[in-house]
Every structure is written in structure tokens, then in C-alpha cells.
Amino acid sequence: MLKKSIPNYIQRIAKERGRQIITAGGKDEQVLEKSAWGHSAFTLNLKRGLKEGNADLNDDDVITANELGSFLKEKSEV
């Protein structure tokens, strides 16, 4: 949820350093790949989410980590 009451909230927090880790699976899990994709299903959906903007779930032109995580989780369940 964005803090709509704070002016320029996204711009202000985007200047802060932070780290988050997104993984395609666990240590012993198989990766789904197809030669037509040129990479894994995870990478395909990561690119679709970020480059194509599909992970912007509330259409505010900002993709948060929560939105990206939700988008990738939904795609992994299909």
C-alpha cells in the first residue's frame, strides 16, 4: 500500500538503499526451460513483469517488490 498522504513518497523511498532476493526455486528443484524462451520460465516471467509492466498490478506506473512477488507467484502456480 502506498502512503498517499506523503508527497513524493515513492521518489523519497527509492533513494534509500535496500536489498531483496528473488529466487526461481529451492536448492534441489528443477528449472523449467524452453529453447524458444532462451532462458527459464522464471526469467521469462520476470522480464514480462518488469519490461512489459505486467507486474504493475495497480496501474500506478510503479512496480513494488510486493507487486513483483505477487505477479511471479501467480505465474508459478499456473
PDB file of N, CA and C in Angstrom:
ATOM      1  N   MET A   1       0.850  -1.180   0.000  1.00  0.00           N
ATOM      2  CA  MET A   1       0.000   0.000   0.000  1.00  0.00           C
ATOM      3  C   MET A   1       0.893   1.239   0.000  1.00  0.00           C
ATOM      4  N   LEU A   2       0.646   2.151  -0.907  1.00  0.00           N
ATOM      5  CA  LEU A   2       1.417   3.387  -0.965  1.00  0.00           C
ATOM      6  C   LEU A   2       0.923   4.381   0.061  1.00  0.00           C
ATOM      7  N   LYS A   3       1.836   5.150   0.573  1.00  0.00           N
ATOM      8  CA  LYS A   3       1.492   6.205   1.528  1.00  0.00           C
ATOM      9  C   LYS A   3       1.090   7.437   0.723  1.00  0.00           C
ATOM     10  N   LYS A   4      -0.167   7.537   0.403  1.00  0.00           N
ATOM     11  CA  LYS A   4      -0.647   8.637  -0.439  1.00  0.00           C
ATOM     12  C   LYS A   4      -0.625   9.980   0.284  1.00  0.00           C
ATOM     13  N   SER A   5      -0.544   9.958   1.608  1.00  0.00           N
ATOM     14  CA  SER A   5      -0.566  11.207   2.355  1.00  0.00           C
ATOM     15  C   SER A   5       0.809  11.885   2.400  1.00  0.00           C
ATOM     16  N   ILE A   6       1.858  11.195   1.992  1.00  0.00           N
ATOM     17  CA  ILE A   6       3.205  11.774   1.996  1.00  0.00           C
ATOM     18  C   ILE A   6       3.565  12.147   0.562  1.00  0.00           C
ATOM     19  N   PRO A   7       3.771  13.444   0.298  1.00  0.00           N
ATOM     20  CA  PRO A   7       4.108  13.872  -1.064  1.00  0.00           C
ATOM     21  C   PRO A   7       5.400  13.203  -1.554  1.00  0.00           C
ATOM     22  N   ASN A   8       5.397  12.765  -2.812  1.00  0.00           N
ATOM     23  CA  ASN A   8       6.569  12.159  -3.447  1.00  0.00           C
ATOM     24  C   ASN A   8       7.105  10.952  -2.679  1.00  0.00           C
ATOM     25  N   TYR A   9       6.214  10.167  -2.091  1.00  0.00           N
ATOM     26  CA  TYR A   9       6.615   9.035  -1.259  1.00  0.00           C
ATOM     27  C   TYR A   9       7.526   8.063  -2.006  1.00  0.00           C
ATOM     28  N   ILE A  10       7.124   7.639  -3.191  1.00  0.00           N
ATOM     29  CA  ILE A  10       7.926   6.682  -3.953  1.00  0.00           C
ATOM     30  C   ILE A  10       9.292   7.272  -4.290  1.00  0.00           C
ATOM     31  N   GLN A  11       9.336   8.498  -4.743  1.00  0.00           N
ATOM     32  CA  GLN A  11      10.610   9.128  -5.078  1.00  0.00           C
ATOM     33  C   GLN A  11      11.518   9.213  -3.846  1.00  0.00           C
ATOM     34  N   ARG A  12      10.942   9.474  -2.700  1.00  0.00           N
ATOM     35  CA  ARG A  12      11.739   9.592  -1.471  1.00  0.00           C
ATOM     36  C   ARG A  12      12.288   8.241  -1.029  1.00  0.00           C
ATOM     37  N   ILE A  13      11.462   7.208  -1.037  1.00  0.00           N
ATOM     38  CA  ILE A  13      11.961   5.910  -0.568  1.00  0.00           C
ATOM     39  C   ILE A  13      12.856   5.235  -1.604  1.00  0.00           C
ATOM     40  N   ALA A  14      12.711   5.582  -2.881  1.00  0.00           N
ATOM     41  CA  ALA A  14      13.539   4.985  -3.926  1.00  0.00           C
ATOM     42  C   ALA A  14      14.997   5.423  -3.793  1.00  0.00           C
ATOM     43  N   LYS A  15      15.251   6.490  -3.091  1.00  0.00           N
ATOM     44  CA  LYS A  15      16.620   6.969  -2.888  1.00  0.00           C
ATOM     45  C   LYS A  15      17.343   6.188  -1.793  1.00  0.00           C
ATOM     46  N   GLU A  16      16.595   5.457  -0.989  1.00  0.00           N
ATOM     47  CA  GLU A  16      17.193   4.671   0.090  1.00  0.00           C
ATOM     48  C   GLU A  16      17.745   3.360  -0.453  1.00  0.00           C
ATOM     49  N   ARG A  17      18.810   2.874   0.179  1.00  0.00           N
ATOM     50  CA  ARG A  17      19.375   1.582  -0.212  1.00  0.00           C
ATOM     51  C   ARG A  17      18.561   0.455   0.393  1.00  0.00           C
ATOM     52  N   GLY A  18      18.455  -0.596  -0.342  1.00  0.00           N
ATOM     53  CA  GLY A  18      17.753  -1.770   0.145  1.00  0.00           C
ATOM     54  C   GLY A  18      18.104  -2.968  -0.712  1.00  0.00           C
ATOM     55  N   ARG A  19      17.867  -4.140  -0.156  1.00  0.00           N
ATOM     56  CA  ARG A  19      18.132  -5.367  -0.905  1.00  0.00           C
ATOM     57  C   ARG A  19      16.995  -6.342  -0.671  1.00  0.00           C
ATOM     58  N   GLN A  20      16.618  -7.001  -1.732  1.00  0.00           N
ATOM     59  CA  GLN A  20      15.663  -8.095  -1.641  1.00  0.00           C
ATOM     60  C   GLN A  20      16.144  -9.172  -2.593  1.00  0.00           C
ATOM     61  N   ILE A  21      15.855 -10.408  -2.246  1.00  0.00           N
ATOM     62  CA  ILE A  21      16.292 -11.529  -3.060  1.00  0.00           C
ATOM     63  C   ILE A  21      15.066 -12.253  -3.604  1.00  0.00           C
ATOM     64  N   ILE A  22      15.097 -12.506  -4.895  1.00  0.00           N
ATOM     65  CA  ILE A  22      14.036 -13.274  -5.550  1.00  0.00           C
ATOM     66  C   ILE A  22      14.712 -14.490  -6.153  1.00  0.00           C
ATOM     67  N   THR A  23      14.196 -15.665  -5.851  1.00  0.00           N
ATOM     68  CA  THR A  23      14.771 -16.880  -6.415  1.00  0.00           C
ATOM     69  C   THR A  23      13.717 -17.631  -7.224  1.00  0.00           C
ATOM     70  N   ALA A  24      14.202 -18.430  -8.151  1.00  0.00           N
ATOM     71  CA  ALA A  24      13.308 -19.210  -9.007  1.00  0.00           C
ATOM     72  C   ALA A  24      12.836 -20.480  -8.329  1.00  0.00           C
ATOM     73  N   GLY A  25      13.509 -20.896  -7.297  1.00  0.00           N
ATOM     74  CA  GLY A  25      13.121 -22.138  -6.627  1.00  0.00           C
ATOM     75  C   GLY A  25      14.101 -22.483  -5.528  1.00  0.00           C
ATOM     76  N   GLY A  26      13.918 -23.648  -4.993  1.00  0.00           N
ATOM     77  CA  GLY A  26      14.773 -24.125  -3.922  1.00  0.00           C
ATOM     78  C   GLY A  26      16.016 -24.831  -4.440  1.00  0.00           C
ATOM     79  N   LYS A  27      16.850 -25.236  -3.511  1.00  0.00           N
ATOM     80  CA  LYS A  27      18.156 -25.840  -3.795  1.00  0.00           C
ATOM     81  C   LYS A  27      18.083 -27.034  -4.749  1.00  0.00           C
ATOM     82  N   ASP A  28      17.188 -27.938  -4.553  1.00  0.00           N
ATOM     83  CA  ASP A  28      17.133 -29.162  -5.355  1.00  0.00           C
ATOM     84  C   ASP A  28      15.978 -29.205  -6.357  1.00  0.00           C
ATOM     85  N   GLU A  29      15.402 -28.060  -6.678  1.00  0.00           N
ATOM     86  CA  GLU A  29      14.278 -28.024  -7.610  1.00  0.00           C
ATOM     87  C   GLU A  29      14.752 -27.905  -9.062  1.00  0.00           C
ATOM     88  N   GLN A  30      14.030 -28.562  -9.963  1.00  0.00           N
ATOM     89  CA  GLN A  30      14.298 -28.478 -11.390  1.00  0.00           C
ATOM     90  C   GLN A  30      13.786 -27.149 -11.942  1.00  0.00           C
ATOM     91  N   VAL A  31      14.475 -26.625 -12.926  1.00  0.00           N
ATOM     92  CA  VAL A  31      14.086 -25.381 -13.576  1.00  0.00           C
ATOM     93  C   VAL A  31      13.411 -25.721 -14.899  1.00  0.00           C
ATOM     94  N   LEU A  32      12.271 -25.078 -15.177  1.00  0.00           N
ATOM     95  CA  LEU A  32      11.571 -25.266 -16.439  1.00  0.00           C
ATOM     96  C   LEU A  32      12.170 -24.316 -17.473  1.00  0.00           C
ATOM     97  N   GLU A  33      12.722 -24.872 -18.542  1.00  0.00           N
ATOM     98  CA  GLU A  33      13.317 -24.075 -19.605  1.00  0.00           C
ATOM     99  C   GLU A  33      12.808 -24.552 -20.958  1.00  0.00           C
ATOM    100  N   LYS A  34      12.741 -23.625 -21.902  1.00  0.00           N
ATOM    101  CA  LYS A  34      12.415 -23.967 -23.285  1.00  0.00           C
ATOM    102  C   LYS A  34      13.371 -23.192 -24.189  1.00  0.00           C
ATOM    103  N   SER A  35      13.836 -23.847 -25.235  1.00  0.00           N
ATOM    104  CA  SER A  35      14.776 -23.179 -26.141  1.00  0.00           C
ATOM    105  C   SER A  35      14.135 -21.957 -26.807  1.00  0.00           C
ATOM    106  N   ALA A  36      12.836 -21.993 -27.019  1.00  0.00           N
ATOM    107  CA  ALA A  36      12.136 -20.851 -27.628  1.00  0.00           C
ATOM    108  C   ALA A  36      12.210 -19.612 -26.745  1.00  0.00           C
ATOM    109  N   TRP A  37      12.280 -19.821 -25.424  1.00  0.00           N
ATOM    110  CA  TRP A  37      12.375 -18.688 -24.496  1.00  0.00           C
ATOM    111  C   TRP A  37      13.806 -18.163 -24.422  1.00  0.00           C
ATOM    112  N   GLY A  38      14.766 -19.056 -24.555  1.00  0.00           N
ATOM    113  CA  GLY A  38      16.166 -18.665 -24.401  1.00  0.00           C
ATOM    114  C   GLY A  38      16.607 -18.618 -22.947  1.00  0.00           C
ATOM    115  N   HIS A  39      15.720 -19.002 -22.050  1.00  0.00           N
ATOM    116  CA  HIS A  39      16.016 -18.996 -20.615  1.00  0.00           C
ATOM    117  C   HIS A  39      14.900 -19.716 -19.880  1.00  0.00           C
ATOM    118  N   SER A  40      14.872 -19.588 -18.580  1.00  0.00           N
ATOM    119  CA  SER A  40      13.883 -20.302 -17.769  1.00  0.00           C
ATOM    120  C   SER A  40      12.528 -19.598 -17.750  1.00  0.00           C
ATOM    121  N   ALA A  41      11.519 -20.333 -17.280  1.00  0.00           N
ATOM    122  CA  ALA A  41      10.180 -19.755 -17.117  1.00  0.00           C
ATOM    123  C   ALA A  41      10.222 -18.602 -16.108  1.00  0.00           C
ATOM    124  N   PHE A  42      11.038 -18.739 -15.082  1.00  0.00           N
ATOM    125  CA  PHE A  42      11.180 -17.669 -14.089  1.00  0.00           C
ATOM    126  C   PHE A  42      11.684 -16.388 -14.749  1.00  0.00           C
ATOM    127  N   THR A  43      12.750 -16.509 -15.541  1.00  0.00           N
ATOM    128  CA  THR A  43      13.315 -15.335 -16.219  1.00  0.00           C
ATOM    129  C   THR A  43      12.315 -14.750 -17.214  1.00  0.00           C
ATOM    130  N   LEU A  44      11.622 -15.605 -17.929  1.00  0.00           N
ATOM    131  CA  LEU A  44      10.592 -15.150 -18.861  1.00  0.00           C
ATOM    132  C   LEU A  44       9.559 -14.284 -18.146  1.00  0.00           C
ATOM    133  N   ASN A  45       9.055 -14.767 -17.021  1.00  0.00           N
ATOM    134  CA  ASN A  45       8.031 -14.021 -16.289  1.00  0.00           C
ATOM    135  C   ASN A  45       8.600 -12.802 -15.571  1.00  0.00           C
ATOM    136  N   LEU A  46       9.844 -12.868 -15.141  1.00  0.00           N
ATOM    137  CA  LEU A  46      10.493 -11.695 -14.541  1.00  0.00           C
ATOM    138  C   LEU A  46      10.586 -10.573 -15.571  1.00  0.00           C
ATOM    139  N   LYS A  47      11.011 -10.922 -16.784  1.00  0.00           N
ATOM    140  CA  LYS A  47      11.094  -9.930 -17.861  1.00  0.00           C
ATOM    141  C   LYS A  47       9.720  -9.385 -18.228  1.00  0.00           C
ATOM    142  N   ARG A  48       8.731 -10.270 -18.311  1.00  0.00           N
ATOM    143  CA  ARG A  48       7.369  -9.805 -18.623  1.00  0.00           C
ATOM    144  C   ARG A  48       6.851  -8.875 -17.536  1.00  0.00           C
ATOM    145  N   GLY A  49       7.141  -9.211 -16.321  1.00  0.00           N
ATOM    146  CA  GLY A  49       6.686  -8.387 -15.206  1.00  0.00           C
ATOM    147  C   GLY A  49       7.323  -7.019 -15.186  1.00  0.00           C
ATOM    148  N   LEU A  50       8.644  -6.962 -15.433  1.00  0.00           N
ATOM    149  CA  LEU A  50       9.366  -5.694 -15.349  1.00  0.00           C
ATOM    150  C   LEU A  50       9.374  -4.924 -16.669  1.00  0.00           C
ATOM    151  N   LYS A  51       9.853  -5.541 -17.741  1.00  0.00           N
ATOM    152  CA  LYS A  51       9.980  -4.837 -19.020  1.00  0.00           C
ATOM    153  C   LYS A  51       8.640  -4.470 -19.631  1.00  0.00           C
ATOM    154  N   GLU A  52       7.687  -5.389 -19.545  1.00  0.00           N
ATOM    155  CA  GLU A  52       6.378  -5.146 -20.153  1.00  0.00           C
ATOM    156  C   GLU A  52       5.402  -4.499 -19.178  1.00  0.00           C
ATOM    157  N   GLY A  53       5.817  -4.357 -17.927  1.00  0.00           N
ATOM    158  CA  GLY A  53       4.978  -3.686 -16.932  1.00  0.00           C
ATOM    159  C   GLY A  53       3.829  -4.513 -16.388  1.00  0.00           C
ATOM    160  N   ASN A  54       3.816  -5.798 -16.680  1.00  0.00           N
ATOM    161  CA  ASN A  54       2.707  -6.642 -16.234  1.00  0.00           C
ATOM    162  C   ASN A  54       2.633  -6.805 -14.717  1.00  0.00           C
ATOM    163  N   ALA A  55       3.730  -6.532 -14.028  1.00  0.00           N
ATOM    164  CA  ALA A  55       3.734  -6.663 -12.569  1.00  0.00           C
ATOM    165  C   ALA A  55       3.208  -5.408 -11.870  1.00  0.00           C
ATOM    166  N   ASP A  56       2.888  -4.369 -12.635  1.00  0.00           N
ATOM    167  CA  ASP A  56       2.295  -3.156 -12.052  1.00  0.00           C
ATOM    168  C   ASP A  56       0.815  -3.438 -11.814  1.00  0.00           C
ATOM    169  N   LEU A  57       0.536  -4.130 -10.742  1.00  0.00           N
ATOM    170  CA  LEU A  57      -0.804  -4.669 -10.506  1.00  0.00           C
ATOM    171  C   LEU A  57      -1.869  -3.603 -10.248  1.00  0.00           C
ATOM    172  N   ASN A  58      -1.464  -2.426  -9.765  1.00  0.00           N
ATOM    173  CA  ASN A  58      -2.457  -1.377  -9.518  1.00  0.00           C
ATOM    174  C   ASN A  58      -2.378  -0.242 -10.544  1.00  0.00           C
ATOM    175  N   ASP A  59      -1.610  -0.451 -11.612  1.00  0.00           N
ATOM    176  CA  ASP A  59      -1.501   0.506 -12.726  1.00  0.00           C
ATOM    177  C   ASP A  59      -1.140   1.928 -12.299  1.00  0.00           C
ATOM    178  N   ASP A  60      -0.177   2.037 -11.356  1.00  0.00           N
ATOM    179  CA  ASP A  60       0.261   3.371 -10.938  1.00  0.00           C
ATOM    180  C   ASP A  60       1.639   3.736 -11.491  1.00  0.00           C
ATOM    181  N   ASP A  61       2.124   2.952 -12.463  1.00  0.00           N
ATOM    182  CA  ASP A  61       3.421   3.163 -13.104  1.00  0.00           C
ATOM    183  C   ASP A  61       4.604   2.931 -12.175  1.00  0.00           C
ATOM    184  N   VAL A  62       4.384   2.215 -11.068  1.00  0.00           N
ATOM    185  CA  VAL A  62       5.440   1.841 -10.137  1.00  0.00           C
ATOM    186  C   VAL A  62       5.271   0.354  -9.837  1.00  0.00           C
ATOM    187  N   ILE A  63       6.346  -0.408  -9.979  1.00  0.00           N
ATOM    188  CA  ILE A  63       6.310  -1.828  -9.638  1.00  0.00           C
ATOM    189  C   ILE A  63       7.042  -2.008  -8.321  1.00  0.00           C
ATOM    190  N   THR A  64       6.296  -2.315  -7.291  1.00  0.00           N
ATOM    191  CA  THR A  64       6.897  -2.545  -5.978  1.00  0.00           C
ATOM    192  C   THR A  64       7.359  -3.999  -5.880  1.00  0.00           C
ATOM    193  N   ALA A  65       8.183  -4.271  -4.890  1.00  0.00           N
ATOM    194  CA  ALA A  65       8.642  -5.642  -4.658  1.00  0.00           C
ATOM    195  C   ALA A  65       7.456  -6.558  -4.365  1.00  0.00           C
ATOM    196  N   ASN A  66       6.475  -6.061  -3.638  1.00  0.00           N
ATOM    197  CA  ASN A  66       5.288  -6.866  -3.338  1.00  0.00           C
ATOM    198  C   ASN A  66       4.508  -7.192  -4.607  1.00  0.00           C
ATOM    199  N   GLU A  67       4.366  -6.215  -5.486  1.00  0.00           N
ATOM    200  CA  GLU A  67       3.666  -6.467  -6.749  1.00  0.00           C
ATOM    201  C   GLU A  67       4.422  -7.487  -7.591  1.00  0.00           C
ATOM    202  N   LEU A  68       5.729  -7.321  -7.692  1.00  0.00           N
ATOM    203  CA  LEU A  68       6.534  -8.251  -8.478  1.00  0.00           C
ATOM    204  C   LEU A  68       6.451  -9.658  -7.891  1.00  0.00           C
ATOM    205  N   GLY A  69       6.550  -9.751  -6.571  1.00  0.00           N
ATOM    206  CA  GLY A  69       6.438 -11.052  -5.915  1.00  0.00           C
ATOM    207  C   GLY A  69       5.092 -11.706  -6.161  1.00  0.00           C
ATOM    208  N   SER A  70       4.027 -10.932  -6.073  1.00  0.00           N
ATOM    209  CA  SER A  70       2.678 -11.466  -6.322  1.00  0.00           C
ATOM    210  C   SER A  70       2.529 -11.926  -7.765  1.00  0.00           C
ATOM    211  N   PHE A  71       3.041 -11.128  -8.689  1.00  0.00           N
ATOM    212  CA  PHE A  71       2.976 -11.475 -10.108  1.00  0.00           C
ATOM    213  C   PHE A  71       3.720 -12.775 -10.373  1.00  0.00           C
ATOM    214  N   LEU A  72       4.937 -12.901  -9.850  1.00  0.00           N
ATOM    215  CA  LEU A  72       5.730 -14.114 -10.076  1.00  0.00           C
ATOM    216  C   LEU A  72       5.108 -15.326  -9.401  1.00  0.00           C
ATOM    217  N   LYS A  73       4.548 -15.127  -8.220  1.00  0.00           N
ATOM    218  CA  LYS A  73       3.899 -16.237  -7.518  1.00  0.00           C
ATOM    219  C   LYS A  73       2.710 -16.739  -8.323  1.00  0.00           C
ATOM    220  N   GLU A  74       1.921 -15.816  -8.846  1.00  0.00           N
ATOM    221  CA  GLU A  74       0.748 -16.193  -9.662  1.00  0.00           C
ATOM    222  C   GLU A  74       1.198 -16.976 -10.890  1.00  0.00           C
ATOM    223  N   LYS A  75       2.261 -16.540 -11.540  1.00  0.00           N
ATOM    224  CA  LYS A  75       2.739 -17.211 -12.750  1.00  0.00           C
ATOM    225  C   LYS A  75       3.307 -18.591 -12.444  1.00  0.00           C
ATOM    226  N   SER A  76       3.874 -18.776 -11.264  1.00  0.00           N
ATOM    227  CA  SER A  76       4.464 -20.075 -10.923  1.00  0.00           C
ATOM    228  C   SER A  76       3.399 -21.093 -10.569  1.00  0.00           C
ATOM    229  N   GLU A  77       2.179 -20.632 -10.276  1.00  0.00           N
ATOM    230  CA  GLU A  77       1.097 -21.524  -9.901  1.00  0.00           C
ATOM    231  C   GLU A  77       0.277 -21.979 -11.099  1.00  0.00           C
ATOM    232  N   VAL A  78       0.533 -21.407 -12.263  1.00  0.00           N
ATOM    233  CA  VAL A  78      -0.237 -21.726 -13.468  1.00  0.00           C
ATOM    234  C   VAL A  78       0.231 -23.015 -14.077  1.00  0.00           C
TER     235      VAL A  78
END
